[in-house]
C-alpha cells in the first residue's frame, strides 16, 4: 500500500469464515427440516429412516468439504489496482483488464450499506465480478477515481439481510421440510404424471448443466481458467 500508483487488495478472512459458517448452518437446517417433515416415517420405520438420514449426512459432509476447499482457494485471490490496469491473481492464473475499457459498473450493497459485490462491464462485451474483498469500500473508491466520467455507475441494495444469523437457518428449514412434502406428493402421482414430472426435472437439470458449462458463472466471479 506504500506505492500510491499500485494498490493490492486481498480477500477478507472474516467474510470467508462467515460464508463457511452460513453454508454449515444451511446444511444443518436442511437436515433438521427433513427430519421434521419425516417425523411420521421415522416413528413407523426407524431403521430405514436412520439409514436414509445417515446417507444424507454423509452427502452433506462431502458437500461441505468441497465448499471448504473452494473457499480456501478463493481466499488466496488478490486484486491489484494500478493507474491503468485492474489485475486479478488467483490459482487459475492472472487476468488483466485495462481501466480505459470499462464501460459500466454495478455495485451491490448489503442492507448495512457495505459493498457485497462489484460487476464490471467492458466495451468488448465481457465482464467480471469482484466480491469478498477486505476493505472493499476503499477499493471501490480508489477504482472510481481512476475511471473516466463517461463510465456508468449503478448502485443498488439487497432486498433483505442475507448476513443475518437466522436467514440460512430459516431457509434450510423451509428447503428441508418442503422437499419432503414435494416427495410425498410425487409418490401419489400415477405413472404417466410421474414420468412427465421426471422428464421435466431431467430437462431442467440438463439445461442448468449446459448453462454452467457454457457460461461458467462461478469462474466469472472467482477467476477464469486460463485458455
Protein backbone atom coordinates (compact mmCIF):
# COMPACT_ATOMS: atom_id res chain seq x y z
CA UNK A 1 0.00 0.00 0.00
CA UNK A 2 3.03 2.28 0.13
CA UNK A 3 3.01 2.66 -3.62
CA UNK A 4 0.21 5.08 -4.38
CA UNK A 5 0.09 4.13 -8.06
CA UNK A 6 -0.36 0.44 -7.25
CA UNK A 7 -2.61 -0.97 -4.57
CA UNK A 8 -3.20 -4.55 -3.52
CA UNK A 9 -6.45 -5.85 -2.10
CA UNK A 10 -6.92 -9.34 -0.65
CA UNK A 11 -9.93 -11.44 0.29
CA UNK A 12 -11.41 -10.77 3.71
CA UNK A 13 -10.78 -13.66 6.13
CA UNK A 14 -13.81 -12.57 8.13
CA UNK A 15 -16.02 -12.83 5.03
CA UNK A 16 -14.68 -16.28 4.17
CA UNK A 17 -15.39 -17.51 7.70
CA UNK A 18 -18.89 -16.00 7.53
CA UNK A 19 -19.62 -17.84 4.28
CA UNK A 20 -18.32 -21.14 5.66
CA UNK A 21 -20.48 -20.81 8.76
CA UNK A 22 -23.50 -19.79 6.68
CA UNK A 23 -23.14 -22.88 4.48
CA UNK A 24 -22.74 -25.15 7.52
CA UNK A 25 -25.82 -23.52 9.05
CA UNK A 26 -27.76 -24.08 5.83
CA UNK A 27 -26.84 -27.79 5.64
CA UNK A 28 -27.72 -28.35 9.30
CA UNK A 29 -31.06 -26.58 8.92
CA UNK A 30 -31.93 -28.60 5.80
CA UNK A 31 -31.28 -31.80 7.75
CA UNK A 32 -33.50 -30.62 10.62
CA UNK A 33 -36.21 -29.67 8.13
CA UNK A 34 -36.08 -33.13 6.57
CA UNK A 35 -36.36 -34.79 9.99
CA UNK A 36 -39.34 -32.61 10.90
CA UNK A 37 -41.04 -33.45 7.61
CA UNK A 38 -40.36 -37.18 8.04
CA UNK A 39 -41.48 -37.38 11.67
CA UNK A 40 -44.22 -39.95 10.98
CA UNK A 41 -41.99 -42.05 8.74
CA UNK A 42 -39.24 -42.05 11.36
CA UNK A 43 -41.64 -43.31 14.01
CA UNK A 44 -43.07 -46.01 11.72
CA UNK A 45 -39.79 -47.14 10.11
CA UNK A 46 -36.92 -46.09 12.41
CA UNK A 47 -34.24 -48.37 10.90
CA UNK A 48 -34.92 -47.37 7.30
CA UNK A 49 -35.17 -43.71 8.27
CA UNK A 50 -31.91 -43.84 10.21
CA UNK A 51 -30.14 -45.33 7.18
CA UNK A 52 -31.52 -42.64 4.86
CA UNK A 53 -30.61 -39.85 7.26
CA UNK A 54 -27.08 -41.24 7.67
CA UNK A 55 -26.58 -41.31 3.88
CA UNK A 56 -27.86 -37.74 3.63
CA UNK A 57 -25.45 -36.62 6.39
CA UNK A 58 -22.53 -38.24 4.54
CA UNK A 59 -23.52 -36.39 1.37
CA UNK A 60 -23.68 -33.14 3.33
CA UNK A 61 -20.23 -33.73 4.79
CA UNK A 62 -18.87 -34.36 1.29
CA UNK A 63 -20.51 -31.16 0.01
CA UNK A 64 -19.13 -29.19 2.97
CA UNK A 65 -15.59 -30.47 2.31
CA UNK A 66 -15.84 -29.37 -1.33
CA UNK A 67 -17.08 -25.92 -0.32
CA UNK A 68 -14.31 -25.51 2.27
CA UNK A 69 -11.72 -26.41 -0.37
CA UNK A 70 -13.29 -23.88 -2.73
CA UNK A 71 -13.21 -21.11 -0.12
CA UNK A 72 -9.59 -21.97 0.70
CA UNK A 73 -8.70 -21.38 -2.95
CA UNK A 74 -10.85 -18.25 -3.11
CA UNK A 75 -9.17 -16.79 -0.01
CA UNK A 76 -5.83 -16.68 -1.86
CA UNK A 77 -7.17 -14.40 -4.60
CA UNK A 78 -5.80 -10.86 -4.78
CA UNK A 79 -6.67 -7.77 -6.77
CA UNK A 80 -4.04 -5.29 -7.96
CA UNK A 81 -5.14 -1.81 -8.96
CA UNK A 82 -2.80 0.48 -10.91
CA UNK A 83 -3.32 3.73 -12.81
CA UNK A 84 -4.40 1.97 -15.98
CA UNK A 85 -4.97 -1.68 -15.17
CA UNK A 86 -7.00 -3.98 -12.96
CA UNK A 87 -5.35 -7.33 -12.29
CA UNK A 88 -6.82 -10.41 -10.62
CA UNK A 89 -4.44 -13.11 -9.40
CA UNK A 90 -5.86 -16.48 -8.43
CA UNK A 91 -4.98 -20.16 -8.52
CA UNK A 92 -6.40 -20.29 -12.05
CA UNK A 93 -3.94 -17.70 -13.29
CA UNK A 94 -3.53 -13.96 -13.80
CA UNK A 95 -6.13 -11.79 -15.52
CA UNK A 96 -5.50 -8.20 -16.60
CA UNK A 97 -8.17 -5.66 -17.57
CA UNK A 98 -7.50 -2.17 -18.91
CA UNK A 99 -9.39 0.50 -16.99
CA UNK A 100 -9.90 2.52 -20.18
CA UNK A 101 -12.10 -0.33 -21.45
CA UNK A 102 -14.51 -0.13 -18.51
CA UNK A 103 -17.99 0.80 -19.69
CA UNK A 104 -20.21 0.32 -16.66
CA UNK A 105 -20.01 -0.72 -13.02
CA UNK A 106 -22.79 -2.20 -10.90
CA UNK A 107 -22.29 -2.13 -7.14
CA UNK A 108 -24.38 -4.41 -4.97
CA UNK A 109 -24.66 -3.30 -1.34
CA UNK A 110 -25.90 -5.11 1.73
CA UNK A 111 -28.72 -3.77 3.87
CA UNK A 112 -25.96 -2.49 6.16
CA UNK A 113 -24.60 -0.35 3.30
CA UNK A 114 -21.38 -2.35 2.91
CA UNK A 115 -20.24 -3.44 -0.56
CA UNK A 116 -21.23 -7.01 -1.38
CA UNK A 117 -20.07 -7.26 -4.96
CA UNK A 118 -19.00 -5.26 -8.00
CA UNK A 119 -19.79 -6.24 -11.56
CA UNK A 120 -17.58 -4.52 -14.11
CA UNK A 121 -18.63 -4.34 -17.76
CA UNK A 122 -16.17 -3.71 -20.61
CA UNK A 123 -16.68 -2.28 -24.08
CA UNK A 124 -15.85 -5.62 -25.74
CA UNK A 125 -18.91 -7.21 -24.14
CA UNK A 126 -17.06 -9.09 -21.38
CA UNK A 127 -17.50 -8.54 -17.66
CA UNK A 128 -16.03 -9.60 -14.35
CA UNK A 129 -17.18 -9.89 -10.75
CA UNK A 130 -15.28 -8.86 -7.65
CA UNK A 131 -16.51 -9.81 -4.19
CA UNK A 132 -15.34 -10.70 -0.71
CA UNK A 133 -12.53 -8.15 -0.57
CA UNK A 134 -11.08 -6.81 2.63
CA UNK A 135 -11.58 -3.03 2.76
CA UNK A 136 -14.00 -3.31 -0.17
CA UNK A 137 -15.28 0.26 0.17
CA UNK A 138 -11.75 1.60 -0.21
CA UNK A 139 -11.26 -0.49 -3.34
CA UNK A 140 -14.46 0.89 -4.82
CA UNK A 141 -13.46 4.48 -4.10
CA UNK A 142 -9.92 4.01 -5.45
CA UNK A 143 -11.16 2.41 -8.64
CA UNK A 144 -13.80 5.03 -9.35
CA UNK A 145 -11.15 7.74 -9.03
CA UNK A 146 -9.18 6.11 -11.84
CA UNK A 147 -12.13 5.88 -14.24
CA UNK A 148 -13.45 8.48 -16.66
CA UNK A 149 -16.69 10.37 -16.13
CA UNK A 150 -18.27 8.50 -19.05
CA UNK A 151 -18.33 5.26 -17.03
CA UNK A 152 -21.86 4.46 -15.89
CA UNK A 153 -22.21 3.69 -12.17
CA UNK A 154 -25.25 1.85 -10.84
CA UNK A 155 -25.67 1.07 -7.15
CA UNK A 156 -28.42 -0.96 -5.53
CA UNK A 157 -29.05 -2.71 -2.22
CA UNK A 158 -30.11 -6.26 -1.47
CA UNK A 159 -33.80 -6.54 -0.54
CA UNK A 160 -33.15 -8.48 2.68
CA UNK A 161 -30.32 -9.01 5.16
CA UNK A 162 -28.60 -12.15 3.86
CA UNK A 163 -25.97 -11.81 6.61
CA UNK A 164 -28.49 -12.21 9.41
CA UNK A 165 -27.73 -15.34 11.50
CA UNK A 166 -31.32 -16.59 11.15
CA UNK A 167 -31.54 -16.22 7.36
CA UNK A 168 -29.87 -19.51 6.44
CA UNK A 169 -31.47 -21.28 9.39
CA UNK A 170 -34.96 -20.41 8.15
CA UNK A 171 -34.03 -21.06 4.51
CA UNK A 172 -32.66 -24.51 5.36
CA UNK A 173 -35.72 -25.47 7.39
CA UNK A 174 -38.01 -24.43 4.55
CA UNK A 175 -35.98 -26.29 1.91
CA UNK A 176 -35.80 -29.47 4.00
CA UNK A 177 -39.44 -29.51 5.05
CA UNK A 178 -40.90 -28.71 1.62
CA UNK A 179 -38.57 -31.20 -0.08
CA UNK A 180 -40.28 -33.90 1.98
CA UNK A 181 -43.74 -32.58 1.11
CA UNK A 182 -42.85 -32.48 -2.60
CA UNK A 183 -41.53 -36.05 -2.49
CA UNK A 184 -44.71 -37.27 -0.77
CA UNK A 185 -46.80 -35.51 -3.41
CA UNK A 186 -44.85 -37.06 -6.29
CA UNK A 187 -45.23 -40.54 -4.79
CA UNK A 188 -49.01 -40.16 -5.00
CA UNK A 189 -49.00 -39.43 -8.75
CA UNK A 190 -49.91 -42.06 -11.32
CA UNK A 191 -47.29 -43.47 -13.68
CA UNK A 192 -47.93 -41.07 -16.57
CA UNK A 193 -47.85 -38.00 -14.34
CA UNK A 194 -44.71 -39.26 -12.60
CA UNK A 195 -42.95 -39.79 -15.94
CA UNK A 196 -43.90 -36.27 -17.04
CA UNK A 197 -42.52 -34.78 -13.84
CA UNK A 198 -39.30 -36.82 -14.10
CA UNK A 199 -38.78 -35.71 -17.71
CA UNK A 200 -39.34 -32.08 -16.70
CA UNK A 201 -36.83 -32.44 -13.85
CA UNK A 202 -34.30 -34.08 -16.20
CA UNK A 203 -34.67 -31.30 -18.78
CA UNK A 204 -34.26 -28.67 -16.09
CA UNK A 205 -31.09 -30.30 -14.74
CA UNK A 206 -29.78 -30.69 -18.29
CA UNK A 207 -30.44 -27.00 -19.05
CA UNK A 208 -28.72 -25.92 -15.82
CA UNK A 209 -25.76 -28.15 -16.65
CA UNK A 210 -25.40 -26.63 -20.12
CA UNK A 211 -25.61 -23.15 -18.61
CA UNK A 212 -22.90 -23.92 -16.03
CA UNK A 213 -20.61 -25.43 -18.67
CA UNK A 214 -21.03 -22.70 -21.30
CA UNK A 215 -21.44 -19.58 -19.17
CA UNK A 216 -19.17 -20.59 -16.25
CA UNK A 217 -20.87 -18.24 -13.74
CA UNK A 218 -18.66 -19.37 -10.85
CA UNK A 219 -15.45 -18.90 -12.83
CA UNK A 220 -16.54 -15.41 -13.83
CA UNK A 221 -16.98 -14.49 -10.17
CA UNK A 222 -13.82 -16.04 -8.82
CA UNK A 223 -11.36 -16.10 -11.73
CA UNK A 224 -11.45 -17.63 -15.22
CA UNK A 225 -9.27 -20.58 -16.01
CA UNK A 226 -6.53 -19.70 -18.49
CA UNK A 227 -7.26 -20.71 -22.06
